[in-house]
Amino acid sequence: MSSQQLTLALSKGRIFEETLPLLEAAGIRVSEDPEKSRKLILSTNDPEVRVIIVRASDVPTYVQYGAADFGVAGKDVLFEHGGAGLYQPIDLGIAKCRMSVAVSVGFDYATAVRQGARLRVATKYTEMARQHFASKGVHIDLIKLYGSMELAPLVGLSDVIVDLVSTGNTLRANNLVEVEQIMDISSRLVVNQAALKLKRDRLQPILAAFERASEGKA
């Protein structure tokens, strides 16, 4: 691996798919589809650029510690991570959704969030939930879950959930309703600060191509 090789951290799924056209704009094509390959390190048509496939929530960590020079991560993930040691130059305007509060149909949310009240909140996004309800003067008991958030209010584990919502179909299918939007979410380019200095000549044209290709999307 040459000292100028670049490593890009991506997660499978929507972010990977929506980053491909941005890479194309920079003249970079990934050699394999991560959905069909078991490989975690994918080569590209540029011998100096490779892609590593990591869990979405791990992208900022790989970039922060220099295991990847740059990556693409959702605003939700970056909020939870805190963004330490990361340069975040571009909102790519891809993988758009929103962070919202949802409850079971019929749950009186307005009364439940009056000042000084206490709520049980199930979420993977504990930092975002904590800050949101603190700003409303609501005390919360956080219940951290990693999947099937919609189940929590249905079985009495929580009063509300804080989760990403795209179409709202999953909420409706489980008799839940979105009652409050916390934040619009899209994915950002994140760059390791040391790499930005040491590999600037290699990185800058790619960053510029990403910026041009994502203009108007954010």
C-alpha atoms as a PDB file:
ATOM      1  CA  MET A   1       0.000   0.000   0.000  1.00  0.00           C
ATOM      2  CA  SER A   2       1.590   3.263  -1.074  1.00  0.00           C
ATOM      3  CA  SER A   3       1.729   6.221   1.278  1.00  0.00           C
ATOM      4  CA  GLN A   4      -0.680   8.042  -1.018  1.00  0.00           C
ATOM      5  CA  GLN A   5      -3.301   5.282  -1.221  1.00  0.00           C
ATOM      6  CA  LEU A   6      -6.704   6.460  -0.096  1.00  0.00           C
ATOM      7  CA  THR A   7      -9.160   4.351   1.899  1.00  0.00           C
ATOM      8  CA  LEU A   8     -12.847   5.268   1.791  1.00  0.00           C
ATOM      9  CA  ALA A   9     -15.175   3.879   4.487  1.00  0.00           C
ATOM     10  CA  LEU A  10     -18.754   3.153   3.394  1.00  0.00           C
ATOM     11  CA  SER A  11     -21.657   1.192   4.850  1.00  0.00           C
ATOM     12  CA  LYS A  12     -23.770  -1.231   2.843  1.00  0.00           C
ATOM     13  CA  GLY A  13     -27.194  -0.318   1.569  1.00  0.00           C
ATOM     14  CA  ARG A  14     -28.560   3.101   0.750  1.00  0.00           C
ATOM     15  CA  ILE A  15     -25.407   5.092   1.546  1.00  0.00           C
ATOM     16  CA  PHE A  16     -23.254   2.799  -0.626  1.00  0.00           C
ATOM     17  CA  GLU A  17     -25.722   2.937  -3.530  1.00  0.00           C
ATOM     18  CA  GLU A  18     -26.128   6.712  -3.379  1.00  0.00           C
ATOM     19  CA  THR A  19     -22.370   7.323  -3.057  1.00  0.00           C
ATOM     20  CA  LEU A  20     -21.594   5.397  -6.278  1.00  0.00           C
ATOM     21  CA  PRO A  21     -22.636   8.268  -8.623  1.00  0.00           C
ATOM     22  CA  LEU A  22     -20.472  10.666  -6.590  1.00  0.00           C
ATOM     23  CA  LEU A  23     -17.495   8.314  -6.987  1.00  0.00           C
ATOM     24  CA  GLU A  24     -18.260   8.053 -10.712  1.00  0.00           C
ATOM     25  CA  ALA A  25     -18.080  11.847 -10.901  1.00  0.00           C
ATOM     26  CA  ALA A  26     -14.556  11.555  -9.504  1.00  0.00           C
ATOM     27  CA  GLY A  27     -13.711   8.855 -12.075  1.00  0.00           C
ATOM     28  CA  ILE A  28     -13.751   6.060  -9.495  1.00  0.00           C
ATOM     29  CA  ARG A  29     -15.646   2.793  -9.993  1.00  0.00           C
ATOM     30  CA  VAL A  30     -15.873   0.140  -7.282  1.00  0.00           C
ATOM     31  CA  SER A  31     -14.980  -3.334  -8.535  1.00  0.00           C
ATOM     32  CA  GLU A  32     -17.612  -5.354  -6.625  1.00  0.00           C
ATOM     33  CA  ASP A  33     -21.082  -5.069  -5.124  1.00  0.00           C
ATOM     34  CA  PRO A  34     -20.820  -5.519  -1.339  1.00  0.00           C
ATOM     35  CA  GLU A  35     -24.288  -7.100  -1.310  1.00  0.00           C
ATOM     36  CA  LYS A  36     -22.936  -9.942  -3.476  1.00  0.00           C
ATOM     37  CA  SER A  37     -19.414 -10.191  -2.121  1.00  0.00           C
ATOM     38  CA  ARG A  38     -18.174 -11.249   1.302  1.00  0.00           C
ATOM     39  CA  LYS A  39     -15.099  -9.064   0.931  1.00  0.00           C
ATOM     40  CA  LEU A  40     -14.749  -6.161   3.337  1.00  0.00           C
ATOM     41  CA  ILE A  41     -12.023  -4.402   1.308  1.00  0.00           C
ATOM     42  CA  LEU A  42     -13.025  -3.614  -2.277  1.00  0.00           C
ATOM     43  CA  SER A  43     -10.662  -2.432  -4.967  1.00  0.00           C
ATOM     44  CA  THR A  44     -11.552   0.232  -7.530  1.00  0.00           C
ATOM     45  CA  ASN A  45     -10.427   1.051 -11.065  1.00  0.00           C
ATOM     46  CA  ASP A  46      -7.913   3.400  -9.422  1.00  0.00           C
ATOM     47  CA  PRO A  47      -5.124   1.357  -7.793  1.00  0.00           C
ATOM     48  CA  GLU A  48      -4.604   4.201  -5.324  1.00  0.00           C
ATOM     49  CA  VAL A  49      -8.196   4.119  -3.993  1.00  0.00           C
ATOM     50  CA  ARG A  50      -9.883   1.320  -2.093  1.00  0.00           C
ATOM     51  CA  VAL A  51     -13.213   1.036  -0.273  1.00  0.00           C
ATOM     52  CA  ILE A  52     -13.749  -0.647   3.084  1.00  0.00           C
ATOM     53  CA  ILE A  53     -17.221  -1.837   4.075  1.00  0.00           C
ATOM     54  CA  VAL A  54     -18.042  -1.178   7.722  1.00  0.00           C
ATOM     55  CA  ARG A  55     -21.136  -0.847   9.860  1.00  0.00           C
ATOM     56  CA  ALA A  56     -22.736   2.609   9.448  1.00  0.00           C
ATOM     57  CA  SER A  57     -22.183   3.532  13.103  1.00  0.00           C
ATOM     58  CA  ASP A  58     -18.467   2.630  12.812  1.00  0.00           C
ATOM     59  CA  VAL A  59     -17.635   4.898   9.840  1.00  0.00           C
ATOM     60  CA  PRO A  60     -16.682   7.956  11.979  1.00  0.00           C
ATOM     61  CA  THR A  61     -14.461   5.801  14.205  1.00  0.00           C
ATOM     62  CA  TYR A  62     -12.501   4.329  11.268  1.00  0.00           C
ATOM     63  CA  VAL A  63     -11.994   7.835   9.867  1.00  0.00           C
ATOM     64  CA  GLN A  64     -11.183   9.442  13.233  1.00  0.00           C
ATOM     65  CA  TYR A  65      -8.387   6.949  13.938  1.00  0.00           C
ATOM     66  CA  GLY A  66      -6.994   7.019  10.382  1.00  0.00           C
ATOM     67  CA  ALA A  67      -7.932   3.458   9.402  1.00  0.00           C
ATOM     68  CA  ALA A  68      -9.855   5.224   6.629  1.00  0.00           C
ATOM     69  CA  ASP A  69      -8.894   8.568   5.115  1.00  0.00           C
ATOM     70  CA  PHE A  70     -12.463   9.587   4.417  1.00  0.00           C
ATOM     71  CA  GLY A  71     -15.959   8.170   4.623  1.00  0.00           C
ATOM     72  CA  VAL A  72     -19.663   8.843   4.287  1.00  0.00           C
ATOM     73  CA  ALA A  73     -21.833   8.885   7.403  1.00  0.00           C
ATOM     74  CA  GLY A  74     -25.348   9.984   8.279  1.00  0.00           C
ATOM     75  CA  LYS A  75     -25.879  13.086  10.363  1.00  0.00           C
ATOM     76  CA  ASP A  76     -27.538  10.827  12.957  1.00  0.00           C
ATOM     77  CA  VAL A  77     -24.375   8.720  13.310  1.00  0.00           C
ATOM     78  CA  LEU A  78     -22.142  11.796  13.491  1.00  0.00           C
ATOM     79  CA  PHE A  79     -24.354  13.366  16.156  1.00  0.00           C
ATOM     80  CA  GLU A  80     -24.040  10.256  18.340  1.00  0.00           C
ATOM     81  CA  HIS A  81     -20.297   9.967  17.676  1.00  0.00           C
ATOM     82  CA  GLY A  82     -19.670  13.617  18.488  1.00  0.00           C
ATOM     83  CA  GLY A  83     -17.529  14.230  15.388  1.00  0.00           C
ATOM     84  CA  ALA A  84     -14.230  14.418  17.305  1.00  0.00           C
ATOM     85  CA  GLY A  85     -11.166  14.468  15.039  1.00  0.00           C
ATOM     86  CA  LEU A  86     -13.252  14.691  11.876  1.00  0.00           C
ATOM     87  CA  TYR A  87     -13.401  17.323   9.171  1.00  0.00           C
ATOM     88  CA  GLN A  88     -16.937  17.466   7.724  1.00  0.00           C
ATOM     89  CA  PRO A  89     -16.652  19.524   4.534  1.00  0.00           C
ATOM     90  CA  ILE A  90     -19.738  18.527   2.559  1.00  0.00           C
ATOM     91  CA  ASP A  91     -23.367  17.658   3.182  1.00  0.00           C
ATOM     92  CA  LEU A  92     -23.817  15.236   0.286  1.00  0.00           C
ATOM     93  CA  GLY A  93     -27.608  15.460   0.385  1.00  0.00           C
ATOM     94  CA  ILE A  94     -27.977  11.670   0.037  1.00  0.00           C
ATOM     95  CA  ALA A  95     -29.776   9.000   2.099  1.00  0.00           C
ATOM     96  CA  LYS A  96     -32.278  11.600   3.301  1.00  0.00           C
ATOM     97  CA  CYS A  97     -34.710  10.872   6.116  1.00  0.00           C
ATOM     98  CA  ARG A  98     -35.660  12.432   9.455  1.00  0.00           C
ATOM     99  CA  MET A  99     -35.206  11.741  13.145  1.00  0.00           C
ATOM    100  CA  SER A 100     -38.596  11.678  14.815  1.00  0.00           C
ATOM    101  CA  VAL A 101     -40.520  10.832  17.953  1.00  0.00           C
ATOM    102  CA  ALA A 102     -43.258   8.219  17.455  1.00  0.00           C
ATOM    103  CA  VAL A 103     -45.913   6.771  19.765  1.00  0.00           C
ATOM    104  CA  SER A 104     -48.711   4.223  19.648  1.00  0.00           C
ATOM    105  CA  VAL A 105     -51.906   5.527  18.037  1.00  0.00           C
ATOM    106  CA  GLY A 106     -54.056   6.996  20.795  1.00  0.00           C
ATOM    107  CA  PHE A 107     -51.172   7.838  23.145  1.00  0.00           C
ATOM    108  CA  ASP A 108     -51.601  11.392  24.497  1.00  0.00           C
ATOM    109  CA  TYR A 109     -48.147  12.766  23.674  1.00  0.00           C
ATOM    110  CA  ALA A 110     -49.002  16.411  24.355  1.00  0.00           C
ATOM    111  CA  THR A 111     -49.896  15.616  27.963  1.00  0.00           C
ATOM    112  CA  ALA A 112     -46.985  13.192  28.364  1.00  0.00           C
ATOM    113  CA  VAL A 113     -44.350  15.811  27.491  1.00  0.00           C
ATOM    114  CA  ARG A 114     -45.539  18.609  29.752  1.00  0.00           C
ATOM    115  CA  GLN A 115     -42.716  20.266  31.702  1.00  0.00           C
ATOM    116  CA  GLY A 116     -41.384  18.099  34.513  1.00  0.00           C
ATOM    117  CA  ALA A 117     -42.986  14.906  33.207  1.00  0.00           C
ATOM    118  CA  ARG A 118     -41.130  11.606  32.968  1.00  0.00           C
ATOM    119  CA  LEU A 119     -41.068   9.455  29.829  1.00  0.00           C
ATOM    120  CA  ARG A 120     -39.634   6.060  28.915  1.00  0.00           C
ATOM    121  CA  VAL A 121     -37.852   6.453  25.591  1.00  0.00           C
ATOM    122  CA  ALA A 122     -36.612   3.526  23.496  1.00  0.00           C
ATOM    123  CA  THR A 123     -33.953   4.418  20.932  1.00  0.00           C
ATOM    124  CA  LYS A 124     -30.585   3.638  19.416  1.00  0.00           C
ATOM    125  CA  TYR A 125     -29.883   7.391  19.322  1.00  0.00           C
ATOM    126  CA  THR A 126     -29.462   8.063  23.023  1.00  0.00           C
ATOM    127  CA  GLU A 127     -27.554  11.344  22.746  1.00  0.00           C
ATOM    128  CA  MET A 128     -30.073  12.870  20.371  1.00  0.00           C
ATOM    129  CA  ALA A 129     -33.015  11.726  22.522  1.00  0.00           C
ATOM    130  CA  ARG A 130     -31.361  13.028  25.696  1.00  0.00           C
ATOM    131  CA  GLN A 131     -30.734  16.479  24.230  1.00  0.00           C
ATOM    132  CA  HIS A 132     -34.148  16.753  22.588  1.00  0.00           C
ATOM    133  CA  PHE A 133     -36.151  15.999  25.708  1.00  0.00           C
ATOM    134  CA  ALA A 134     -33.823  17.996  27.965  1.00  0.00           C
ATOM    135  CA  SER A 135     -34.578  21.061  25.822  1.00  0.00           C
ATOM    136  CA  LYS A 136     -38.283  20.499  26.564  1.00  0.00           C
ATOM    137  CA  GLY A 137     -37.734  20.085  30.300  1.00  0.00           C
ATOM    138  CA  VAL A 138     -38.855  16.453  30.186  1.00  0.00           C
ATOM    139  CA  HIS A 139     -37.133  13.785  32.306  1.00  0.00           C
ATOM    140  CA  ILE A 140     -36.548  10.510  30.490  1.00  0.00           C
ATOM    141  CA  ASP A 141     -35.571   6.948  31.217  1.00  0.00           C
ATOM    142  CA  LEU A 142     -33.521   5.846  28.198  1.00  0.00           C
ATOM    143  CA  ILE A 143     -33.875   2.291  26.967  1.00  0.00           C
ATOM    144  CA  LYS A 144     -31.197   1.540  24.379  1.00  0.00           C
ATOM    145  CA  LEU A 145     -32.250  -0.864  21.641  1.00  0.00           C
ATOM    146  CA  TYR A 146     -30.457  -1.885  18.456  1.00  0.00           C
ATOM    147  CA  GLY A 147     -33.353  -2.990  16.295  1.00  0.00           C
ATOM    148  CA  SER A 148     -37.150  -3.298  15.939  1.00  0.00           C
ATOM    149  CA  MET A 149     -37.691  -0.044  17.782  1.00  0.00           C
ATOM    150  CA  GLU A 150     -41.381  -0.092  16.796  1.00  0.00           C
ATOM    151  CA  LEU A 151     -42.004  -3.068  19.065  1.00  0.00           C
ATOM    152  CA  ALA A 152     -41.103  -1.221  22.284  1.00  0.00           C
ATOM    153  CA  PRO A 153     -44.308   0.831  22.757  1.00  0.00           C
ATOM    154  CA  LEU A 154     -46.484  -2.046  21.542  1.00  0.00           C
ATOM    155  CA  VAL A 155     -45.358  -4.349  24.368  1.00  0.00           C
ATOM    156  CA  GLY A 156     -45.130  -1.677  27.056  1.00  0.00           C
ATOM    157  CA  LEU A 157     -41.340  -1.384  27.118  1.00  0.00           C
ATOM    158  CA  SER A 158     -41.462   2.357  26.389  1.00  0.00           C
ATOM    159  CA  ASP A 159     -43.874   5.255  26.039  1.00  0.00           C
ATOM    160  CA  VAL A 160     -42.224   6.650  22.915  1.00  0.00           C
ATOM    161  CA  ILE A 161     -39.482   5.832  20.431  1.00  0.00           C
ATOM    162  CA  VAL A 162     -36.911   8.085  18.783  1.00  0.00           C
ATOM    163  CA  ASP A 163     -35.900   6.680  15.414  1.00  0.00           C
ATOM    164  CA  LEU A 164     -35.171   7.413  11.774  1.00  0.00           C
ATOM    165  CA  VAL A 165     -38.240   7.738   9.582  1.00  0.00           C
ATOM    166  CA  SER A 166     -38.134   7.638   5.813  1.00  0.00           C
ATOM    167  CA  THR A 167     -41.576   6.832   4.370  1.00  0.00           C
ATOM    168  CA  GLY A 168     -43.387   6.160   7.657  1.00  0.00           C
ATOM    169  CA  ASN A 169     -44.699   2.843   6.296  1.00  0.00           C
ATOM    170  CA  THR A 170     -43.157   0.776   9.109  1.00  0.00           C
ATOM    171  CA  LEU A 171     -44.731   3.036  11.731  1.00  0.00           C
ATOM    172  CA  ARG A 172     -48.163   2.787  10.119  1.00  0.00           C
ATOM    173  CA  ALA A 173     -47.884  -0.980   9.749  1.00  0.00           C
ATOM    174  CA  ASN A 174     -47.298  -1.233  13.502  1.00  0.00           C
ATOM    175  CA  ASN A 175     -50.048   1.187  14.553  1.00  0.00           C
ATOM    176  CA  LEU A 176     -47.603   3.948  15.477  1.00  0.00           C
ATOM    177  CA  VAL A 177     -47.745   7.617  14.590  1.00  0.00           C
ATOM    178  CA  GLU A 178     -45.032  10.253  14.178  1.00  0.00           C
ATOM    179  CA  VAL A 179     -45.703  13.053  16.680  1.00  0.00           C
ATOM    180  CA  GLU A 180     -42.608  15.228  16.492  1.00  0.00           C
ATOM    181  CA  GLN A 181     -39.734  15.749  14.076  1.00  0.00           C
ATOM    182  CA  ILE A 182     -36.375  16.330  15.750  1.00  0.00           C
ATOM    183  CA  MET A 183     -34.020  16.800  12.808  1.00  0.00           C
ATOM    184  CA  ASP A 184     -33.666  16.340   9.054  1.00  0.00           C
ATOM    185  CA  ILE A 185     -30.996  13.745   8.322  1.00  0.00           C
ATOM    186  CA  SER A 186     -28.731  13.342   5.301  1.00  0.00           C
ATOM    187  CA  SER A 187     -25.249  11.937   4.837  1.00  0.00           C
ATOM    188  CA  ARG A 188     -22.014  13.915   5.069  1.00  0.00           C
ATOM    189  CA  LEU A 189     -18.516  13.385   3.788  1.00  0.00           C
ATOM    190  CA  VAL A 190     -16.089  13.068   6.701  1.00  0.00           C
ATOM    191  CA  VAL A 191     -12.314  13.310   6.344  1.00  0.00           C
ATOM    192  CA  ASN A 192      -9.471  12.371   8.676  1.00  0.00           C
ATOM    193  CA  GLN A 193      -7.722  15.603   9.651  1.00  0.00           C
ATOM    194  CA  ALA A 194      -4.193  14.203   9.267  1.00  0.00           C
ATOM    195  CA  ALA A 195      -5.026  12.723   5.849  1.00  0.00           C
ATOM    196  CA  LEU A 196      -6.312  16.107   4.749  1.00  0.00           C
ATOM    197  CA  LYS A 197      -2.836  17.543   5.334  1.00  0.00           C
ATOM    198  CA  LEU A 198      -0.662  14.593   4.289  1.00  0.00           C
ATOM    199  CA  LYS A 199      -2.687  13.414   1.268  1.00  0.00           C
ATOM    200  CA  ARG A 200      -4.192  16.729   0.198  1.00  0.00           C
ATOM    201  CA  ASP A 201      -3.071  16.386  -3.443  1.00  0.00           C
ATOM    202  CA  ARG A 202      -4.844  13.034  -3.785  1.00  0.00           C
ATOM    203  CA  LEU A 203      -7.901  13.935  -1.724  1.00  0.00           C
ATOM    204  CA  GLN A 204      -8.699  17.402  -3.001  1.00  0.00           C
ATOM    205  CA  PRO A 205      -9.799  16.451  -6.563  1.00  0.00           C
ATOM    206  CA  ILE A 206     -12.104  13.734  -5.145  1.00  0.00           C
ATOM    207  CA  LEU A 207     -13.607  16.105  -2.583  1.00  0.00           C
ATOM    208  CA  ALA A 208     -14.150  18.702  -5.312  1.00  0.00           C
ATOM    209  CA  ALA A 209     -15.870  16.139  -7.563  1.00  0.00           C
ATOM    210  CA  PHE A 210     -18.108  15.019  -4.676  1.00  0.00           C
ATOM    211  CA  GLU A 211     -19.040  18.621  -3.972  1.00  0.00           C
ATOM    212  CA  ARG A 212     -19.909  19.361  -7.601  1.00  0.00           C
ATOM    213  CA  ALA A 213     -21.931  16.144  -7.959  1.00  0.00           C
ATOM    214  CA  SER A 214     -23.887  16.745  -4.759  1.00  0.00           C
ATOM    215  CA  GLU A 215     -24.732  20.415  -5.402  1.00  0.00           C
ATOM    216  CA  GLY A 216     -28.437  20.980  -5.202  1.00  0.00           C
ATOM    217  CA  LYS A 217     -29.067  17.744  -3.277  1.00  0.00           C
ATOM    218  CA  ALA A 218     -28.401  19.068   0.204  1.00  0.00           C
END
